[in-house]
Amino acid sequence: MNQYSVLLVDDEEEVYQVIMKKLDWESMGFRIAGYARNGVEALELAEEMQVDVVMTDIKMPYMDGLTLCRKLKEQYQKIKVIIFSGFDEFEYAKEAIKIEAEEYILKPINANELREVFERMKVNLDKEMDEKRNIDKLREYYLESLPVLQENFFTSLIDGRIPEESIETYAKNYQIDLPGPYYVVTVLHISTTPQENETAMDPFLLTVSVKRLVEEQLADEWDFRTVTYLGDIIVIAQLGEEADSMRFTDRMDNICKLARRVCEARVTAGVGHVCDQLSQIPLSYQGAKNATSYRVMYGTTRAINIAETDPQENADLPWEEPYIQKILKKIKMGEKEPLQEAIDEFIKALLKNKMSLQKYRILIMELITEIFRFGANNQMNMEEIFGEDNDIYTQAMQLESPEALGRWLQNSCLKMQCQVMTERSDTTKSFVTRAVQYVQEHYGDHTLSVETICGYLNVSAAYFSTVFKKETGKTFINYLTDYRMEEAVSLLLTQNEKTYVIAEKVGYSDPNYFSYVFKKQFGMSPSKYKMSKLEQN
């Protein structure tokens, strides 16, 4: 049986003590997680405890029950609120309905009525929980979302945003079958600027029209996927043989001419490099984009294959790029073993991809360039890693075997990783230090809140709360309260001021609430605390 947590809120202790005793909570599927004496305290506890139900009185000091309900609904949409009150007035009931309280009951609370309320609450909570767990509903939602997920997969794939080791998993999860063995990307660019005697058409409708035509024309002969990306139509085709690229180019050329007649669209098909790995799709895409740029030279309404147009561009694909990018990513992740594994994968691929000494040295130069670019983008001290006087290119050129390169990479990249983590730790500490300093300078401002400090630091509340608690061991509200109480004690013992004056100085506009918080912190009122300290001295 599902069990749900309940927070009781009332400024009179005997009231919630009675409520706790009225029902066998456990047998009904509930447990009392805690109780609060006012709305302010209840908000703090709701955040810490993540309760399912809040049962609150209306009339309380510092924050009434209706205000509490409103704030709870704003911050925690799934939380259920029960309002109870001794005020038998229609206006309260109307307000409770308006702010979406689940139940409104009157004092004195009858045990049977309370049981019925929580029985209804249990049914609703169980229903919500069942819906969350309902596999059929999840599957239905998944299938509804599948077209969007698949489109996101393809756009991320051509953009190189999916790690190589994750491509197969994502494809399987999104029910995408890409067996290959070869792949080629085509970019269909539609010229939207009308020529003489042409009527301007809606670019979106034109794209839809051309995309449909392409899918109809390719369906019988080719295994492919299409996606619209950055205003272009992208076709990812699977080829049985590498040589099929030329035949596919001819087919795309026919489609461009057909699109001119059927859709009245001037389409240029840029055909990219043929590749045999899904991780190289971004390179084929880049080649296809480059091919479309040659429409200035060759004109539109035709297919342009980058392998024919620019033989230099058709040089061996830089197979090492995904490996290098993976190494750089692992440096930033901060874990030693995954970084070492990424370097090992690169070296194994290097050993497998036999190359001349000249190409090997060119690869090393490109590798070092990427490492230095990465270091510059991340504000690294490269002299600290490689030494002040060492010529890093000369040093690397002496690594005449992949194994030697691997050892050099392990040593250099681990140093870079260490520097990244040190910088990140220093940034986090500086971030928290600034927040602490802000509290010390502004604790007397009664409007100081998480939102205020996040606005000052220009960060989200979620990120700030996580980092602050990790570094200090306290939530921001708890830290602020503790600091204000420390300052209040100092003022009590060193200045002959009234309690309300001290309350104002430490950020409490309501002296009664200040006294309440002080007593909660130290077990006695401010005046008694001061007297006890004076007697000790």
Protein backbone atom coordinates (compact mmCIF):
# COMPACT_ATOMS: atom_id res chain seq x y z
CA MET A 1 0.00 0.00 0.00
CA ASN A 2 1.22 3.48 -0.90
CA GLN A 3 2.02 5.64 2.13
CA TYR A 4 1.87 9.44 1.99
CA SER A 5 3.39 12.05 4.29
CA VAL A 6 1.37 14.76 6.07
CA LEU A 7 2.50 18.10 7.51
CA LEU A 8 0.24 19.63 10.19
CA VAL A 9 0.24 23.41 10.60
CA ASP A 10 -1.36 25.22 13.55
CA ASP A 11 -0.10 27.77 16.07
CA GLU A 12 -1.81 25.89 18.91
CA GLU A 13 0.09 22.73 19.84
CA GLU A 14 -2.89 21.05 21.46
CA VAL A 15 -4.82 21.26 18.18
CA TYR A 16 -2.38 19.21 16.12
CA GLN A 17 -1.81 16.86 19.05
CA VAL A 18 -5.54 16.11 18.99
CA ILE A 19 -5.52 15.67 15.21
CA MET A 20 -2.61 13.22 15.46
CA LYS A 21 -4.58 11.07 17.92
CA LYS A 22 -7.90 11.12 16.09
CA LEU A 23 -6.93 8.59 13.38
CA ASP A 24 -4.90 5.45 12.92
CA TRP A 25 -2.81 7.18 10.26
CA GLU A 26 -0.64 4.21 9.30
CA SER A 27 -3.58 1.90 8.59
CA MET A 28 -5.05 4.59 6.32
CA GLY A 29 -1.83 4.91 4.34
CA PHE A 30 -0.49 8.13 5.86
CA ARG A 31 2.20 9.21 8.30
CA ILE A 32 2.66 12.49 10.15
CA ALA A 33 5.98 13.81 8.85
CA GLY A 34 6.04 16.83 11.15
CA TYR A 35 4.23 19.95 12.30
CA ALA A 36 4.75 23.68 12.05
CA ARG A 37 3.42 26.57 14.12
CA ASN A 38 2.98 29.06 11.25
CA GLY A 39 3.02 29.38 7.49
CA VAL A 40 6.63 30.58 7.25
CA GLU A 41 7.90 27.55 9.14
CA ALA A 42 5.60 25.27 7.11
CA LEU A 43 7.08 26.50 3.83
CA GLU A 44 10.59 25.66 5.04
CA LEU A 45 9.53 22.20 6.22
CA ALA A 46 7.64 21.49 2.98
CA GLU A 47 10.84 22.12 1.04
CA GLU A 48 12.96 19.91 3.31
CA MET A 49 10.48 17.04 3.74
CA GLN A 50 8.81 17.00 0.29
CA VAL A 51 5.45 16.13 1.87
CA ASP A 52 2.36 14.99 -0.03
CA VAL A 53 -0.34 16.68 2.09
CA VAL A 54 -0.39 19.88 4.15
CA MET A 55 -3.23 20.33 6.63
CA THR A 56 -3.31 23.91 7.88
CA ASP A 57 -5.31 26.27 10.05
CA ILE A 58 -6.28 29.65 8.57
CA LYS A 59 -5.60 32.07 11.40
CA MET A 60 -1.90 31.97 12.32
CA PRO A 61 0.80 34.56 12.98
CA TYR A 62 3.36 35.67 10.35
CA MET A 63 1.61 33.88 7.47
CA ASP A 64 -2.01 32.69 7.45
CA GLY A 65 -3.21 29.40 6.02
CA LEU A 66 -4.66 30.83 2.81
CA THR A 67 -1.39 32.59 1.96
CA LEU A 68 0.47 29.36 2.77
CA CYS A 69 -1.83 27.42 0.46
CA ARG A 70 -1.27 29.91 -2.35
CA LYS A 71 2.52 29.73 -1.99
CA LEU A 72 2.51 25.93 -1.78
CA LYS A 73 0.48 25.70 -4.98
CA GLU A 74 2.89 28.08 -6.73
CA GLN A 75 6.00 26.15 -5.69
CA TYR A 76 4.77 22.54 -5.49
CA GLN A 77 1.95 21.91 -7.95
CA LYS A 78 1.33 18.30 -6.86
CA ILE A 79 1.00 19.02 -3.14
CA LYS A 80 -2.48 18.58 -1.60
CA VAL A 81 -3.77 21.17 0.88
CA ILE A 82 -6.51 20.72 3.49
CA ILE A 83 -7.66 23.90 5.23
CA PHE A 84 -9.42 23.76 8.60
CA SER A 85 -10.74 26.70 10.54
CA GLY A 86 -13.09 27.79 13.28
CA PHE A 87 -14.40 30.56 11.06
CA ASP A 88 -17.69 29.44 9.57
CA GLU A 89 -17.72 32.10 6.89
CA PHE A 90 -18.47 31.65 3.23
CA GLU A 91 -15.70 34.06 2.14
CA TYR A 92 -13.01 31.76 3.53
CA ALA A 93 -14.49 28.77 1.71
CA LYS A 94 -14.66 30.76 -1.54
CA GLU A 95 -11.01 31.78 -1.20
CA ALA A 96 -9.97 28.20 -0.40
CA ILE A 97 -11.70 26.98 -3.59
CA LYS A 98 -10.14 29.80 -5.60
CA ILE A 99 -6.59 28.82 -4.61
CA GLU A 100 -7.32 25.13 -5.26
CA ALA A 101 -7.30 23.74 -1.74
CA GLU A 102 -8.53 20.13 -1.88
CA GLU A 103 -10.66 20.24 1.28
CA TYR A 104 -12.13 22.86 3.67
CA ILE A 105 -13.35 21.64 7.07
CA LEU A 106 -14.48 23.39 10.24
CA LYS A 107 -13.36 23.14 13.85
CA PRO A 108 -14.01 21.36 16.07
CA ILE A 109 -12.79 18.53 13.85
CA ASN A 110 -14.92 15.40 13.95
CA ALA A 111 -12.98 12.12 13.73
CA ASN A 112 -15.39 10.58 11.20
CA GLU A 113 -15.33 13.66 9.01
CA LEU A 114 -11.52 13.77 9.17
CA ARG A 115 -11.34 10.08 8.23
CA GLU A 116 -13.61 10.65 5.23
CA VAL A 117 -11.47 13.58 4.10
CA PHE A 118 -8.27 11.52 4.17
CA GLU A 119 -9.97 8.54 2.57
CA ARG A 120 -10.89 10.77 -0.36
CA MET A 121 -7.37 12.17 -0.35
CA LYS A 122 -5.91 8.66 -0.42
CA VAL A 123 -8.04 7.71 -3.42
CA ASN A 124 -6.88 10.79 -5.35
CA LEU A 125 -3.23 10.30 -4.42
CA ASP A 126 -3.35 6.62 -5.37
CA LYS A 127 -4.94 7.51 -8.69
CA GLU A 128 -2.17 10.01 -9.45
CA MET A 129 0.48 7.51 -8.39
CA ASP A 130 -1.07 4.77 -10.53
CA GLU A 131 -1.13 7.08 -13.52
CA LYS A 132 2.57 7.80 -13.06
CA ARG A 133 3.31 4.10 -12.88
CA ASN A 134 0.91 3.00 -15.56
CA ILE A 135 3.12 1.31 -18.15
CA ASP A 136 0.47 1.46 -20.86
CA LYS A 137 0.12 5.21 -20.44
CA LEU A 138 3.88 5.63 -20.46
CA ARG A 139 4.13 3.52 -23.59
CA GLU A 140 1.34 5.54 -25.21
CA TYR A 141 3.10 8.78 -24.31
CA TYR A 142 6.37 7.36 -25.61
CA LEU A 143 4.83 6.39 -28.95
CA GLU A 144 3.20 9.80 -29.27
CA SER A 145 6.56 11.45 -28.59
CA LEU A 146 8.52 9.08 -30.85
CA PRO A 147 8.43 11.21 -34.04
CA VAL A 148 9.77 14.21 -32.12
CA LEU A 149 12.41 12.08 -30.39
CA GLN A 150 13.50 10.60 -33.72
CA GLU A 151 13.76 14.04 -35.32
CA ASN A 152 15.81 15.29 -32.38
CA PHE A 153 18.06 12.24 -32.72
CA PHE A 154 18.80 12.94 -36.38
CA THR A 155 19.43 16.65 -35.88
CA SER A 156 21.72 15.88 -32.95
CA LEU A 157 23.46 13.18 -35.00
CA ILE A 158 24.26 15.40 -37.98
CA ASP A 159 25.35 18.15 -35.61
CA GLY A 160 27.77 15.82 -33.81
CA ARG A 161 26.11 16.24 -30.42
CA ILE A 162 25.69 12.53 -29.62
CA PRO A 163 28.71 10.75 -28.09
CA GLU A 164 29.87 7.90 -30.31
CA GLU A 165 29.31 5.30 -27.60
CA SER A 166 25.68 6.46 -27.15
CA ILE A 167 24.54 6.50 -30.79
CA GLU A 168 23.55 2.82 -30.92
CA THR A 169 21.65 3.04 -27.61
CA TYR A 170 19.69 6.13 -28.66
CA ALA A 171 18.86 4.61 -32.04
CA LYS A 172 17.55 1.46 -30.38
CA ASN A 173 15.51 3.41 -27.81
CA TYR A 174 13.94 5.55 -30.54
CA GLN A 175 13.23 2.54 -32.80
CA ILE A 176 15.61 3.69 -35.52
CA ASP A 177 17.28 1.04 -37.68
CA LEU A 178 20.45 2.21 -39.44
CA PRO A 179 22.37 -0.94 -40.47
CA GLY A 180 24.38 0.75 -43.25
CA PRO A 181 26.93 -0.47 -44.13
CA TYR A 182 27.57 2.94 -45.77
CA TYR A 183 25.93 6.31 -45.21
CA VAL A 184 25.76 9.57 -47.12
CA VAL A 185 24.14 12.88 -46.13
CA THR A 186 22.45 15.16 -48.65
CA VAL A 187 21.48 18.76 -47.92
CA LEU A 188 18.58 20.03 -50.03
CA HIS A 189 18.77 23.81 -50.07
CA ILE A 190 15.72 25.70 -51.40
CA SER A 191 16.40 29.15 -52.87
CA THR A 192 13.65 31.36 -51.46
CA THR A 193 14.56 34.61 -53.24
CA PRO A 194 12.25 34.83 -56.26
CA GLN A 195 13.79 35.38 -59.67
CA GLU A 196 12.27 37.49 -62.38
CA ASN A 197 8.69 36.45 -63.24
CA GLU A 198 8.53 34.25 -60.11
CA THR A 199 6.00 34.64 -57.32
CA ALA A 200 7.30 34.52 -53.74
CA MET A 201 5.99 31.48 -51.87
CA ASP A 202 5.72 30.75 -48.18
CA PRO A 203 9.16 29.16 -47.34
CA PHE A 204 7.64 26.76 -44.82
CA LEU A 205 5.00 25.44 -47.20
CA LEU A 206 7.61 25.17 -49.94
CA THR A 207 9.86 23.10 -47.68
CA VAL A 208 6.98 20.78 -46.74
CA SER A 209 6.09 20.33 -50.41
CA VAL A 210 9.66 19.50 -51.47
CA LYS A 211 10.19 17.16 -48.49
CA ARG A 212 7.09 15.18 -49.42
CA LEU A 213 8.22 14.95 -53.03
CA VAL A 214 11.68 13.68 -52.01
CA GLU A 215 10.20 11.01 -49.74
CA GLU A 216 7.84 9.81 -52.51
CA GLN A 217 10.61 9.63 -55.11
CA LEU A 218 13.16 7.81 -52.94
CA ALA A 219 10.79 5.42 -51.17
CA ASP A 220 10.93 2.53 -53.65
CA GLU A 221 14.70 2.33 -54.13
CA TRP A 222 16.60 3.76 -51.16
CA ASP A 223 16.66 3.26 -47.40
CA PHE A 224 16.76 6.77 -45.98
CA ARG A 225 15.58 9.22 -43.33
CA THR A 226 14.62 12.87 -43.82
CA VAL A 227 14.58 15.75 -41.36
CA THR A 228 14.18 19.51 -41.64
CA TYR A 229 17.09 21.35 -40.07
CA LEU A 230 18.03 25.05 -40.15
CA GLY A 231 15.72 25.66 -43.10
CA ASP A 232 17.18 22.83 -45.22
CA ILE A 233 15.91 19.31 -45.89
CA ILE A 234 18.46 16.72 -44.75
CA VAL A 235 18.46 13.22 -46.26
CA ILE A 236 20.50 10.50 -44.54
CA ALA A 237 20.69 7.59 -46.98
CA GLN A 238 22.06 4.11 -46.42
CA LEU A 239 24.11 2.59 -49.23
CA GLY A 240 24.92 -1.04 -49.94
CA GLU A 241 28.22 -0.14 -51.56
CA GLU A 242 30.41 2.93 -51.49
CA ALA A 243 30.10 3.29 -55.28
CA ASP A 244 26.31 3.72 -54.92
CA SER A 245 27.03 7.34 -54.07
CA MET A 246 27.23 8.31 -57.75
CA ARG A 247 23.91 6.63 -58.58
CA PHE A 248 22.32 8.32 -55.56
CA THR A 249 23.68 11.68 -56.75
CA ASP A 250 22.04 11.17 -60.15
CA ARG A 251 18.74 10.35 -58.46
CA MET A 252 18.94 13.51 -56.37
CA ASP A 253 19.69 15.50 -59.53
CA ASN A 254 16.49 14.16 -61.11
CA ILE A 255 14.54 15.10 -57.98
CA CYS A 256 15.88 18.66 -58.11
CA LYS A 257 14.59 19.04 -61.68
CA LEU A 258 11.27 17.43 -60.71
CA ALA A 259 10.91 19.84 -57.77
CA ARG A 260 11.30 22.72 -60.22
CA ARG A 261 8.35 21.49 -62.29
CA VAL A 262 6.08 20.10 -59.57
CA CYS A 263 6.75 22.42 -56.62
CA GLU A 264 8.07 25.45 -58.50
CA ALA A 265 11.10 25.33 -56.20
CA ARG A 266 14.74 25.90 -57.07
CA VAL A 267 16.49 23.14 -55.12
CA THR A 268 20.20 22.43 -54.84
CA ALA A 269 21.18 18.98 -53.54
CA GLY A 270 24.59 18.93 -51.89
CA VAL A 271 25.82 15.33 -51.53
CA GLY A 272 28.44 14.76 -48.82
CA HIS A 273 31.15 12.19 -48.19
CA VAL A 274 30.35 8.50 -47.98
CA CYS A 275 31.16 7.11 -44.53
CA ASP A 276 30.94 3.72 -42.85
CA GLN A 277 30.29 4.83 -39.27
CA LEU A 278 27.35 6.75 -37.81
CA SER A 279 29.81 8.82 -35.78
CA GLN A 280 31.10 10.24 -39.12
CA ILE A 281 27.66 11.48 -40.19
CA PRO A 282 28.56 15.06 -39.06
CA LEU A 283 31.51 15.04 -41.47
CA SER A 284 29.32 13.87 -44.34
CA TYR A 285 26.82 16.59 -43.41
CA GLN A 286 29.55 19.23 -43.43
CA GLY A 287 30.68 18.06 -46.87
CA ALA A 288 27.08 18.24 -48.11
CA LYS A 289 26.73 21.81 -46.81
CA ASN A 290 29.97 22.76 -48.54
CA ALA A 291 28.68 21.21 -51.75
CA THR A 292 25.55 23.41 -51.75
CA SER A 293 27.77 26.49 -51.61
CA TYR A 294 29.02 25.61 -55.12
CA ARG A 295 25.55 26.48 -56.49
CA VAL A 296 26.98 29.99 -57.00
CA MET A 297 29.37 28.45 -59.54
CA TYR A 298 27.23 25.68 -61.05
CA GLY A 299 23.73 27.06 -60.55
CA THR A 300 20.68 25.71 -58.75
CA THR A 301 18.24 22.92 -59.63
CA ARG A 302 20.94 20.26 -59.65
CA ALA A 303 22.83 17.82 -57.40
CA ILE A 304 26.44 18.59 -56.51
CA ASN A 305 28.63 15.85 -55.04
CA ILE A 306 31.48 17.20 -52.94
CA ALA A 307 33.71 14.25 -53.97
CA GLU A 308 33.52 15.37 -57.60
CA THR A 309 33.44 19.11 -57.07
CA ASP A 310 36.28 19.46 -54.59
CA PRO A 311 38.71 16.50 -54.64
CA GLN A 312 40.76 18.12 -51.86
CA GLU A 313 37.65 18.20 -49.69
CA ASN A 314 37.25 14.52 -50.49
CA ALA A 315 40.55 13.60 -48.87
CA ASP A 316 40.45 10.89 -46.23
CA LEU A 317 37.86 11.74 -43.58
CA PRO A 318 39.42 12.82 -40.30
CA TRP A 319 38.49 9.64 -38.44
CA GLU A 320 40.36 10.86 -35.36
CA GLU A 321 38.11 13.88 -34.68
CA PRO A 322 35.42 12.03 -32.66
CA TYR A 323 38.14 10.38 -30.56
CA ILE A 324 39.86 13.71 -29.86
CA GLN A 325 36.58 15.39 -28.97
CA LYS A 326 35.77 12.52 -26.61
CA ILE A 327 39.14 12.92 -24.86
CA LEU A 328 38.57 16.66 -24.42
CA LYS A 329 35.08 16.02 -23.07
CA LYS A 330 36.41 13.52 -20.52
CA ILE A 331 38.96 16.10 -19.36
CA LYS A 332 36.07 18.41 -18.44
CA MET A 333 34.05 15.64 -16.76
CA GLY A 334 36.75 15.33 -14.10
CA GLU A 335 36.94 11.54 -13.76
CA LYS A 336 40.34 9.91 -14.22
CA GLU A 337 39.39 6.41 -15.44
CA PRO A 338 36.99 7.48 -18.26
CA LEU A 339 39.69 9.86 -19.52
CA GLN A 340 42.27 7.09 -19.59
CA GLU A 341 39.79 4.80 -21.40
CA ALA A 342 39.10 7.48 -24.04
CA ILE A 343 42.84 7.87 -24.69
CA ASP A 344 43.25 4.08 -24.94
CA GLU A 345 40.42 3.93 -27.51
CA PHE A 346 42.14 6.63 -29.58
CA ILE A 347 45.49 4.84 -29.54
CA LYS A 348 43.87 1.49 -30.50
CA ALA A 349 42.13 3.19 -33.43
CA LEU A 350 45.43 4.83 -34.40
CA LEU A 351 47.20 1.45 -34.43
CA LYS A 352 44.40 -0.03 -36.51
CA ASN A 353 44.40 2.88 -38.98
CA LYS A 354 47.83 2.35 -40.51
CA MET A 355 49.31 5.55 -41.93
CA SER A 356 52.56 6.94 -43.20
CA LEU A 357 54.97 8.78 -40.91
CA GLN A 358 54.10 12.03 -42.67
CA LYS A 359 50.35 11.60 -42.01
CA TYR A 360 51.09 10.51 -38.45
CA ARG A 361 53.00 13.76 -37.81
CA ILE A 362 50.23 15.84 -39.39
CA LEU A 363 47.76 14.09 -37.05
CA ILE A 364 49.93 14.97 -34.04
CA MET A 365 50.05 18.64 -35.09
CA GLU A 366 46.26 18.72 -35.44
CA LEU A 367 45.90 16.98 -32.07
CA ILE A 368 48.12 19.54 -30.32
CA THR A 369 46.25 22.40 -32.01
CA GLU A 370 42.95 21.03 -30.66
CA ILE A 371 44.43 20.62 -27.18
CA PHE A 372 45.73 24.21 -27.15
CA ARG A 373 42.42 25.54 -28.47
CA PHE A 374 40.63 23.62 -25.72
CA GLY A 375 43.04 25.00 -23.12
CA ALA A 376 42.56 28.58 -24.33
CA ASN A 377 38.76 28.26 -24.33
CA ASN A 378 38.89 27.00 -20.74
CA GLN A 379 41.40 29.61 -19.51
CA MET A 380 44.06 27.02 -18.70
CA ASN A 381 47.66 27.80 -17.86
CA MET A 382 49.33 25.78 -20.63
CA GLU A 383 52.85 26.66 -19.45
CA GLU A 384 52.03 25.02 -16.14
CA ILE A 385 51.09 21.84 -17.99
CA PHE A 386 53.77 21.69 -20.67
CA GLY A 387 56.53 23.86 -19.17
CA GLU A 388 57.67 27.39 -19.96
CA ASP A 389 60.60 26.68 -22.25
CA ASN A 390 59.48 23.49 -23.96
CA ASP A 391 58.53 23.65 -27.62
CA ILE A 392 55.47 21.41 -27.44
CA TYR A 393 55.41 20.68 -31.20
CA THR A 394 59.07 19.61 -31.21
CA GLN A 395 58.44 17.53 -28.09
CA ALA A 396 55.43 15.80 -29.65
CA MET A 397 57.19 15.13 -32.97
CA GLN A 398 59.66 12.94 -31.10
CA LEU A 399 56.81 10.57 -30.23
CA GLU A 400 57.33 8.27 -33.18
CA SER A 401 55.02 5.49 -32.02
CA PRO A 402 51.33 5.47 -31.06
CA GLU A 403 52.26 3.89 -27.71
CA ALA A 404 54.60 6.78 -26.91
CA LEU A 405 51.89 9.24 -27.96
CA GLY A 406 49.45 7.46 -25.64
CA ARG A 407 51.78 7.83 -22.63
CA TRP A 408 52.34 11.49 -23.45
CA LEU A 409 48.59 12.08 -23.75
CA GLN A 410 47.87 10.31 -20.44
CA ASN A 411 50.36 12.52 -18.63
CA SER A 412 49.34 15.80 -20.31
CA CYS A 413 45.57 15.29 -20.21
CA LEU A 414 45.56 14.25 -16.55
CA LYS A 415 47.38 17.49 -15.72
CA MET A 416 44.77 19.42 -17.70
CA GLN A 417 41.97 17.56 -15.94
CA CYS A 418 43.47 18.38 -12.56
CA GLN A 419 43.66 22.06 -13.51
CA VAL A 420 40.03 22.06 -14.72
CA MET A 421 38.80 20.54 -11.46
CA THR A 422 40.87 22.92 -9.36
CA GLU A 423 39.50 25.89 -11.28
CA ARG A 424 35.94 24.55 -10.96
CA SER A 425 36.37 24.04 -7.21
CA ASP A 426 37.81 27.54 -6.82
CA THR A 427 34.94 29.00 -8.83
CA THR A 428 32.37 27.20 -6.67
CA LYS A 429 34.04 28.35 -3.46
CA SER A 430 34.26 31.90 -4.78
CA PHE A 431 30.59 31.70 -5.72
CA VAL A 432 29.60 30.63 -2.19
CA THR A 433 32.01 33.14 -0.63
CA ARG A 434 30.29 35.94 -2.54
CA ALA A 435 26.90 34.73 -1.28
CA VAL A 436 28.16 34.58 2.32
CA GLN A 437 29.68 38.04 2.02
CA TYR A 438 26.41 39.37 0.63
CA VAL A 439 24.56 37.96 3.64
CA GLN A 440 27.04 39.57 6.01
CA GLU A 441 26.52 42.93 4.33
CA HIS A 442 22.74 42.77 3.84
CA TYR A 443 21.37 40.53 6.62
CA GLY A 444 19.51 43.56 8.00
CA ASP A 445 17.38 43.77 4.86
CA HIS A 446 14.10 42.03 5.70
CA THR A 447 13.45 41.39 1.96
CA LEU A 448 16.63 39.32 1.57
CA SER A 449 15.73 35.93 0.06
CA VAL A 450 16.97 33.19 -2.23
CA GLU A 451 15.58 35.16 -5.17
CA THR A 452 17.51 38.27 -4.09
CA ILE A 453 20.84 36.48 -3.81
CA CYS A 454 20.30 34.64 -7.12
CA GLY A 455 19.57 37.92 -8.84
CA TYR A 456 22.82 39.33 -7.42
CA LEU A 457 24.84 36.28 -8.54
CA ASN A 458 22.93 35.90 -11.83
CA VAL A 459 22.27 32.16 -11.34
CA SER A 460 19.19 29.97 -11.05
CA ALA A 461 17.72 29.18 -7.64
CA ALA A 462 18.07 25.44 -8.28
CA TYR A 463 21.79 25.67 -9.03
CA PHE A 464 22.44 28.11 -6.19
CA SER A 465 20.62 26.00 -3.60
CA THR A 466 22.50 22.83 -4.63
CA VAL A 467 25.95 24.46 -4.59
CA PHE A 468 25.36 26.46 -1.41
CA LYS A 469 24.18 23.47 0.60
CA LYS A 470 26.99 21.29 -0.74
CA GLU A 471 29.63 23.82 0.37
CA THR A 472 28.12 24.99 3.67
CA GLY A 473 26.05 22.00 4.78
CA LYS A 474 23.04 24.32 5.22
CA THR A 475 20.21 25.62 3.08
CA PHE A 476 20.44 29.33 2.35
CA ILE A 477 17.44 30.11 4.57
CA ASN A 478 18.96 28.16 7.48
CA TYR A 479 22.30 29.90 7.02
CA LEU A 480 20.65 33.32 6.89
CA THR A 481 18.60 32.58 10.00
CA ASP A 482 21.67 31.34 11.92
CA TYR A 483 23.67 34.41 10.94
CA ARG A 484 20.87 36.77 11.92
CA MET A 485 20.54 35.03 15.27
CA GLU A 486 24.29 35.35 15.90
CA GLU A 487 24.10 39.05 15.17
CA ALA A 488 21.00 39.36 17.36
CA VAL A 489 22.83 37.75 20.30
CA SER A 490 25.76 40.13 19.82
CA LEU A 491 23.45 43.15 19.82
CA LEU A 492 21.53 41.88 22.85
CA LEU A 493 24.67 41.56 24.91
CA THR A 494 26.46 44.72 23.74
CA GLN A 495 23.70 47.27 23.22
CA ASN A 496 20.92 48.43 25.48
CA GLU A 497 18.23 48.30 22.81
CA LYS A 498 14.60 47.19 22.81
CA THR A 499 13.82 43.83 21.25
CA TYR A 500 11.91 45.38 18.35
CA VAL A 501 14.91 47.60 17.51
CA ILE A 502 17.24 44.59 17.43
CA ALA A 503 14.71 42.67 15.35
CA GLU A 504 14.69 45.47 12.79
CA LYS A 505 18.49 45.63 12.72
CA VAL A 506 18.86 41.91 11.95
CA GLY A 507 16.23 41.81 9.20
CA TYR A 508 12.91 41.07 10.94
CA SER A 509 10.14 43.58 10.30
CA ASP A 510 7.84 41.70 12.71
CA PRO A 511 9.29 41.70 16.28
CA ASN A 512 6.91 38.91 17.33
CA TYR A 513 8.22 36.65 14.59
CA PHE A 514 11.78 37.57 15.55
CA SER A 515 11.06 36.48 19.14
CA TYR A 516 9.50 33.28 17.84
CA VAL A 517 12.56 32.40 15.73
CA PHE A 518 14.93 33.36 18.55
CA LYS A 519 13.10 31.13 21.02
CA LYS A 520 13.11 28.29 18.52
CA GLN A 521 16.87 28.73 18.11
CA PHE A 522 17.92 29.19 21.74
CA GLY A 523 15.04 27.76 23.75
CA MET A 524 14.09 31.06 25.40
CA SER A 525 12.93 34.58 24.56
CA PRO A 526 15.49 37.33 23.76
CA SER A 527 14.91 39.07 27.13
CA LYS A 528 15.36 35.85 29.12
CA TYR A 529 18.46 34.97 27.11
CA LYS A 530 20.00 38.35 27.86
CA MET A 531 19.15 38.07 31.54
CA SER A 532 20.64 34.58 31.81
CA LYS A 533 23.90 35.73 30.22
CA LEU A 534 24.12 38.75 32.52
CA GLU A 535 23.57 36.55 35.58
CA GLN A 536 26.36 34.23 34.43
CA ASN A 537 28.72 37.15 34.23
